[in-house]
Amino acid sequence: MTLKQLRVAQGLSQTVLATMICVKQNQLSTWERGRTVPCPKNYDRLVEVLGGVPDDIPRVERRRRPIGS
């Protein structure tokens, strides 16, 4: 199931979901079209609001920075 399919199954519009996860509607649209991927914080918000996001939705991995950099 894609992000769009999951959103629609929950009965949410792009505008409502975007507001719920504190992003702009056009940002959510780019995720649904596969043009960009959500950062870890936004991915976590999607999981929280939608009750789980399929593994096939790409996400940006957390980058570890060396201590003191």
PDB file of N, CA and C in Angstrom:
ATOM      1  N   MET A   1       0.843  -1.177   0.000  1.00  0.00           N
ATOM      2  CA  MET A   1       0.000   0.000   0.000  1.00  0.00           C
ATOM      3  C   MET A   1       0.890   1.243   0.000  1.00  0.00           C
ATOM      4  N   THR A   2       0.574   2.177  -0.850  1.00  0.00           N
ATOM      5  CA  THR A   2       1.360   3.401  -0.939  1.00  0.00           C
ATOM      6  C   THR A   2       0.911   4.401   0.121  1.00  0.00           C
ATOM      7  N   LEU A   3       1.694   5.444   0.279  1.00  0.00           N
ATOM      8  CA  LEU A   3       1.344   6.497   1.225  1.00  0.00           C
ATOM      9  C   LEU A   3      -0.014   7.096   0.857  1.00  0.00           C
ATOM     10  N   LYS A   4      -0.248   7.353  -0.414  1.00  0.00           N
ATOM     11  CA  LYS A   4      -1.524   7.922  -0.846  1.00  0.00           C
ATOM     12  C   LYS A   4      -2.672   6.971  -0.527  1.00  0.00           C
ATOM     13  N   GLN A   5      -2.493   5.706  -0.826  1.00  0.00           N
ATOM     14  CA  GLN A   5      -3.544   4.730  -0.554  1.00  0.00           C
ATOM     15  C   GLN A   5      -3.845   4.647   0.944  1.00  0.00           C
ATOM     16  N   LEU A   6      -2.809   4.699   1.753  1.00  0.00           N
ATOM     17  CA  LEU A   6      -2.983   4.662   3.201  1.00  0.00           C
ATOM     18  C   LEU A   6      -3.734   5.894   3.688  1.00  0.00           C
ATOM     19  N   ARG A   7      -3.363   7.055   3.154  1.00  0.00           N
ATOM     20  CA  ARG A   7      -4.041   8.306   3.518  1.00  0.00           C
ATOM     21  C   ARG A   7      -5.511   8.258   3.137  1.00  0.00           C
ATOM     22  N   VAL A   8      -5.798   7.834   1.914  1.00  0.00           N
ATOM     23  CA  VAL A   8      -7.173   7.766   1.432  1.00  0.00           C
ATOM     24  C   VAL A   8      -7.979   6.745   2.247  1.00  0.00           C
ATOM     25  N   ALA A   9      -7.363   5.617   2.583  1.00  0.00           N
ATOM     26  CA  ALA A   9      -8.048   4.599   3.388  1.00  0.00           C
ATOM     27  C   ALA A   9      -8.436   5.137   4.765  1.00  0.00           C
ATOM     28  N   GLN A  10      -7.668   6.105   5.260  1.00  0.00           N
ATOM     29  CA  GLN A  10      -7.976   6.729   6.552  1.00  0.00           C
ATOM     30  C   GLN A  10      -9.004   7.850   6.403  1.00  0.00           C
ATOM     31  N   GLY A  11      -9.370   8.155   5.148  1.00  0.00           N
ATOM     32  CA  GLY A  11     -10.356   9.197   4.891  1.00  0.00           C
ATOM     33  C   GLY A  11      -9.814  10.602   5.059  1.00  0.00           C
ATOM     34  N   LEU A  12      -8.510  10.768   4.841  1.00  0.00           N
ATOM     35  CA  LEU A  12      -7.873  12.073   5.024  1.00  0.00           C
ATOM     36  C   LEU A  12      -7.522  12.704   3.683  1.00  0.00           C
ATOM     37  N   SER A  13      -7.716  13.999   3.578  1.00  0.00           N
ATOM     38  CA  SER A  13      -7.237  14.738   2.406  1.00  0.00           C
ATOM     39  C   SER A  13      -5.756  15.056   2.626  1.00  0.00           C
ATOM     40  N   GLN A  14      -5.087  15.447   1.557  1.00  0.00           N
ATOM     41  CA  GLN A  14      -3.689  15.865   1.698  1.00  0.00           C
ATOM     42  C   GLN A  14      -3.584  17.049   2.658  1.00  0.00           C
ATOM     43  N   THR A  15      -4.497  17.977   2.532  1.00  0.00           N
ATOM     44  CA  THR A  15      -4.447  19.174   3.368  1.00  0.00           C
ATOM     45  C   THR A  15      -4.591  18.825   4.844  1.00  0.00           C
ATOM     46  N   VAL A  16      -5.520  17.950   5.166  1.00  0.00           N
ATOM     47  CA  VAL A  16      -5.739  17.574   6.565  1.00  0.00           C
ATOM     48  C   VAL A  16      -4.530  16.820   7.107  1.00  0.00           C
ATOM     49  N   LEU A  17      -4.033  15.833   6.358  1.00  0.00           N
ATOM     50  CA  LEU A  17      -2.878  15.072   6.834  1.00  0.00           C
ATOM     51  C   LEU A  17      -1.661  15.978   6.983  1.00  0.00           C
ATOM     52  N   ALA A  18      -1.436  16.847   6.024  1.00  0.00           N
ATOM     53  CA  ALA A  18      -0.297  17.766   6.104  1.00  0.00           C
ATOM     54  C   ALA A  18      -0.383  18.628   7.356  1.00  0.00           C
ATOM     55  N   THR A  19      -1.571  19.118   7.668  1.00  0.00           N
ATOM     56  CA  THR A  19      -1.760  19.919   8.872  1.00  0.00           C
ATOM     57  C   THR A  19      -1.488  19.090  10.121  1.00  0.00           C
ATOM     58  N   MET A  20      -1.933  17.850  10.127  1.00  0.00           N
ATOM     59  CA  MET A  20      -1.755  16.983  11.291  1.00  0.00           C
ATOM     60  C   MET A  20      -0.279  16.684  11.579  1.00  0.00           C
ATOM     61  N   ILE A  21       0.542  16.635  10.523  1.00  0.00           N
ATOM     62  CA  ILE A  21       1.961  16.323  10.734  1.00  0.00           C
ATOM     63  C   ILE A  21       2.857  17.554  10.592  1.00  0.00           C
ATOM     64  N   CYS A  22       2.233  18.714  10.509  1.00  0.00           N
ATOM     65  CA  CYS A  22       2.951  20.000  10.507  1.00  0.00           C
ATOM     66  C   CYS A  22       3.877  20.187   9.309  1.00  0.00           C
ATOM     67  N   VAL A  23       3.374  19.857   8.125  1.00  0.00           N
ATOM     68  CA  VAL A  23       4.101  20.154   6.888  1.00  0.00           C
ATOM     69  C   VAL A  23       3.132  20.821   5.921  1.00  0.00           C
ATOM     70  N   LYS A  24       3.665  21.386   4.857  1.00  0.00           N
ATOM     71  CA  LYS A  24       2.819  21.996   3.838  1.00  0.00           C
ATOM     72  C   LYS A  24       2.253  20.899   2.932  1.00  0.00           C
ATOM     73  N   GLN A  25       1.082  21.171   2.376  1.00  0.00           N
ATOM     74  CA  GLN A  25       0.406  20.199   1.516  1.00  0.00           C
ATOM     75  C   GLN A  25       1.264  19.815   0.326  1.00  0.00           C
ATOM     76  N   ASN A  26       1.986  20.775  -0.256  1.00  0.00           N
ATOM     77  CA  ASN A  26       2.801  20.450  -1.427  1.00  0.00           C
ATOM     78  C   ASN A  26       3.960  19.523  -1.067  1.00  0.00           C
ATOM     79  N   GLN A  27       4.446  19.587   0.171  1.00  0.00           N
ATOM     80  CA  GLN A  27       5.501  18.668   0.614  1.00  0.00           C
ATOM     81  C   GLN A  27       4.963  17.240   0.671  1.00  0.00           C
ATOM     82  N   LEU A  28       3.784  17.080   1.245  1.00  0.00           N
ATOM     83  CA  LEU A  28       3.148  15.766   1.306  1.00  0.00           C
ATOM     84  C   LEU A  28       2.913  15.232  -0.108  1.00  0.00           C
ATOM     85  N   SER A  29       2.510  16.094  -1.002  1.00  0.00           N
ATOM     86  CA  SER A  29       2.286  15.696  -2.385  1.00  0.00           C
ATOM     87  C   SER A  29       3.558  15.152  -3.035  1.00  0.00           C
ATOM     88  N   THR A  30       4.687  15.780  -2.754  1.00  0.00           N
ATOM     89  CA  THR A  30       5.942  15.288  -3.348  1.00  0.00           C
ATOM     90  C   THR A  30       6.312  13.922  -2.795  1.00  0.00           C
ATOM     91  N   TRP A  31       5.985  13.644  -1.535  1.00  0.00           N
ATOM     92  CA  TRP A  31       6.231  12.313  -0.966  1.00  0.00           C
ATOM     93  C   TRP A  31       5.347  11.279  -1.653  1.00  0.00           C
ATOM     94  N   GLU A  32       4.077  11.635  -1.840  1.00  0.00           N
ATOM     95  CA  GLU A  32       3.144  10.696  -2.460  1.00  0.00           C
ATOM     96  C   GLU A  32       3.533  10.381  -3.907  1.00  0.00           C
ATOM     97  N   ARG A  33       4.107  11.349  -4.585  1.00  0.00           N
ATOM     98  CA  ARG A  33       4.524  11.135  -5.976  1.00  0.00           C
ATOM     99  C   ARG A  33       5.921  10.531  -6.090  1.00  0.00           C
ATOM    100  N   GLY A  34       6.602  10.383  -4.963  1.00  0.00           N
ATOM    101  CA  GLY A  34       7.931   9.773  -4.967  1.00  0.00           C
ATOM    102  C   GLY A  34       9.048  10.706  -5.396  1.00  0.00           C
ATOM    103  N   ARG A  35       8.771  11.997  -5.423  1.00  0.00           N
ATOM    104  CA  ARG A  35       9.802  12.965  -5.837  1.00  0.00           C
ATOM    105  C   ARG A  35      10.793  13.245  -4.719  1.00  0.00           C
ATOM    106  N   THR A  36      10.308  13.211  -3.477  1.00  0.00           N
ATOM    107  CA  THR A  36      11.165  13.379  -2.303  1.00  0.00           C
ATOM    108  C   THR A  36      10.706  12.370  -1.257  1.00  0.00           C
ATOM    109  N   VAL A  37      11.475  12.267  -0.193  1.00  0.00           N
ATOM    110  CA  VAL A  37      11.106  11.360   0.901  1.00  0.00           C
ATOM    111  C   VAL A  37      11.083  12.135   2.207  1.00  0.00           C
ATOM    112  N   PRO A  38      10.251  11.713   3.149  1.00  0.00           N
ATOM    113  CA  PRO A  38      10.199  12.416   4.431  1.00  0.00           C
ATOM    114  C   PRO A  38      11.458  12.187   5.255  1.00  0.00           C
ATOM    115  N   CYS A  39      11.861  13.206   5.974  1.00  0.00           N
ATOM    116  CA  CYS A  39      12.982  13.071   6.906  1.00  0.00           C
ATOM    117  C   CYS A  39      12.529  12.169   8.058  1.00  0.00           C
ATOM    118  N   PRO A  40      13.442  11.696   8.882  1.00  0.00           N
ATOM    119  CA  PRO A  40      13.051  10.801   9.983  1.00  0.00           C
ATOM    120  C   PRO A  40      11.961  11.373  10.892  1.00  0.00           C
ATOM    121  N   LYS A  41      12.039  12.665  11.207  1.00  0.00           N
ATOM    122  CA  LYS A  41      11.034  13.278  12.081  1.00  0.00           C
ATOM    123  C   LYS A  41       9.651  13.225  11.429  1.00  0.00           C
ATOM    124  N   ASN A  42       9.574  13.582  10.153  1.00  0.00           N
ATOM    125  CA  ASN A  42       8.282  13.575   9.466  1.00  0.00           C
ATOM    126  C   ASN A  42       7.785  12.149   9.215  1.00  0.00           C
ATOM    127  N   TYR A  43       8.706  11.234   8.953  1.00  0.00           N
ATOM    128  CA  TYR A  43       8.326   9.829   8.786  1.00  0.00           C
ATOM    129  C   TYR A  43       7.685   9.323  10.079  1.00  0.00           C
ATOM    130  N   ASP A  44       8.300   9.646  11.201  1.00  0.00           N
ATOM    131  CA  ASP A  44       7.755   9.236  12.502  1.00  0.00           C
ATOM    132  C   ASP A  44       6.373   9.835  12.737  1.00  0.00           C
ATOM    133  N   ARG A  45       6.182  11.079  12.305  1.00  0.00           N
ATOM    134  CA  ARG A  45       4.860  11.710  12.437  1.00  0.00           C
ATOM    135  C   ARG A  45       3.826  10.991  11.581  1.00  0.00           C
ATOM    136  N   LEU A  46       4.221  10.594  10.372  1.00  0.00           N
ATOM    137  CA  LEU A  46       3.307   9.838   9.508  1.00  0.00           C
ATOM    138  C   LEU A  46       2.899   8.534  10.175  1.00  0.00           C
ATOM    139  N   VAL A  47       3.866   7.830  10.732  1.00  0.00           N
ATOM    140  CA  VAL A  47       3.584   6.565  11.406  1.00  0.00           C
ATOM    141  C   VAL A  47       2.612   6.789  12.561  1.00  0.00           C
ATOM    142  N   GLU A  48       2.852   7.843  13.319  1.00  0.00           N
ATOM    143  CA  GLU A  48       1.999   8.137  14.470  1.00  0.00           C
ATOM    144  C   GLU A  48       0.562   8.437  14.041  1.00  0.00           C
ATOM    145  N   VAL A  49       0.403   9.262  13.014  1.00  0.00           N
ATOM    146  CA  VAL A  49      -0.934   9.682  12.585  1.00  0.00           C
ATOM    147  C   VAL A  49      -1.657   8.576  11.817  1.00  0.00           C
ATOM    148  N   LEU A  50      -0.940   7.885  10.933  1.00  0.00           N
ATOM    149  CA  LEU A  50      -1.583   6.881  10.091  1.00  0.00           C
ATOM    150  C   LEU A  50      -1.623   5.490  10.727  1.00  0.00           C
ATOM    151  N   GLY A  51      -0.953   5.339  11.847  1.00  0.00           N
ATOM    152  CA  GLY A  51      -0.976   4.049  12.516  1.00  0.00           C
ATOM    153  C   GLY A  51      -0.080   3.025  11.861  1.00  0.00           C
ATOM    154  N   GLY A  52       0.923   3.469  11.180  1.00  0.00           N
ATOM    155  CA  GLY A  52       1.858   2.561  10.525  1.00  0.00           C
ATOM    156  C   GLY A  52       2.000   2.947   9.068  1.00  0.00           C
ATOM    157  N   VAL A  53       3.210   2.930   8.590  1.00  0.00           N
ATOM    158  CA  VAL A  53       3.494   3.287   7.202  1.00  0.00           C
ATOM    159  C   VAL A  53       4.196   2.097   6.565  1.00  0.00           C
ATOM    160  N   PRO A  54       3.817   1.730   5.354  1.00  0.00           N
ATOM    161  CA  PRO A  54       4.442   0.585   4.704  1.00  0.00           C
ATOM    162  C   PRO A  54       5.951   0.752   4.548  1.00  0.00           C
ATOM    163  N   ASP A  55       6.656  -0.370   4.602  1.00  0.00           N
ATOM    164  CA  ASP A  55       8.112  -0.345   4.465  1.00  0.00           C
ATOM    165  C   ASP A  55       8.567   0.144   3.098  1.00  0.00           C
ATOM    166  N   ASP A  56       7.703   0.082   2.090  1.00  0.00           N
ATOM    167  CA  ASP A  56       8.133   0.489   0.748  1.00  0.00           C
ATOM    168  C   ASP A  56       8.139   1.999   0.564  1.00  0.00           C
ATOM    169  N   ILE A  57       7.740   2.769   1.568  1.00  0.00           N
ATOM    170  CA  ILE A  57       7.844   4.226   1.467  1.00  0.00           C
ATOM    171  C   ILE A  57       9.244   4.610   1.913  1.00  0.00           C
ATOM    172  N   PRO A  58      10.041   5.141   0.994  1.00  0.00           N
ATOM    173  CA  PRO A  58      11.414   5.489   1.352  1.00  0.00           C
ATOM    174  C   PRO A  58      11.460   6.586   2.399  1.00  0.00           C
ATOM    175  N   ARG A  59      12.522   6.597   3.151  1.00  0.00           N
ATOM    176  CA  ARG A  59      12.726   7.659   4.117  1.00  0.00           C
ATOM    177  C   ARG A  59      14.209   7.953   4.213  1.00  0.00           C
ATOM    178  N   VAL A  60      14.512   9.144   4.683  1.00  0.00           N
ATOM    179  CA  VAL A  60      15.896   9.554   4.862  1.00  0.00           C
ATOM    180  C   VAL A  60      16.389   8.926   6.156  1.00  0.00           C
ATOM    181  N   GLU A  61      17.508   8.244   6.085  1.00  0.00           N
ATOM    182  CA  GLU A  61      18.060   7.613   7.278  1.00  0.00           C
ATOM    183  C   GLU A  61      18.689   8.666   8.175  1.00  0.00           C
ATOM    184  N   ARG A  62      18.628   8.409   9.449  1.00  0.00           N
ATOM    185  CA  ARG A  62      19.269   9.311  10.401  1.00  0.00           C
ATOM    186  C   ARG A  62      20.778   9.271  10.178  1.00  0.00           C
ATOM    187  N   ARG A  63      21.364  10.425  10.150  1.00  0.00           N
ATOM    188  CA  ARG A  63      22.821  10.503   9.964  1.00  0.00           C
ATOM    189  C   ARG A  63      23.481  10.672  11.311  1.00  0.00           C
ATOM    190  N   ARG A  64      24.492   9.888  11.520  1.00  0.00           N
ATOM    191  CA  ARG A  64      25.215   9.993  12.780  1.00  0.00           C
ATOM    192  C   ARG A  64      26.396  10.921  12.572  1.00  0.00           C
ATOM    193  N   ARG A  65      26.526  11.877  13.477  1.00  0.00           N
ATOM    194  CA  ARG A  65      27.642  12.814  13.405  1.00  0.00           C
ATOM    195  C   ARG A  65      28.622  12.456  14.512  1.00  0.00           C
ATOM    196  N   PRO A  66      29.878  12.520  14.194  1.00  0.00           N
ATOM    197  CA  PRO A  66      30.879  12.253  15.246  1.00  0.00           C
ATOM    198  C   PRO A  66      30.742  13.256  16.387  1.00  0.00           C
ATOM    199  N   ILE A  67      30.999  12.803  17.589  1.00  0.00           N
ATOM    200  CA  ILE A  67      30.941  13.678  18.760  1.00  0.00           C
ATOM    201  C   ILE A  67      31.939  14.814  18.586  1.00  0.00           C
ATOM    202  N   GLY A  68      31.508  16.021  18.866  1.00  0.00           N
ATOM    203  CA  GLY A  68      32.384  17.177  18.785  1.00  0.00           C
ATOM    204  C   GLY A  68      32.456  17.809  17.410  1.00  0.00           C
ATOM    205  N   SER A  69      31.633  17.344  16.467  1.00  0.00           N
ATOM    206  CA  SER A  69      31.687  17.964  15.130  1.00  0.00           C
ATOM    207  C   SER A  69      30.565  18.929  14.936  1.00  0.00           C
TER     208      SER A  69
END
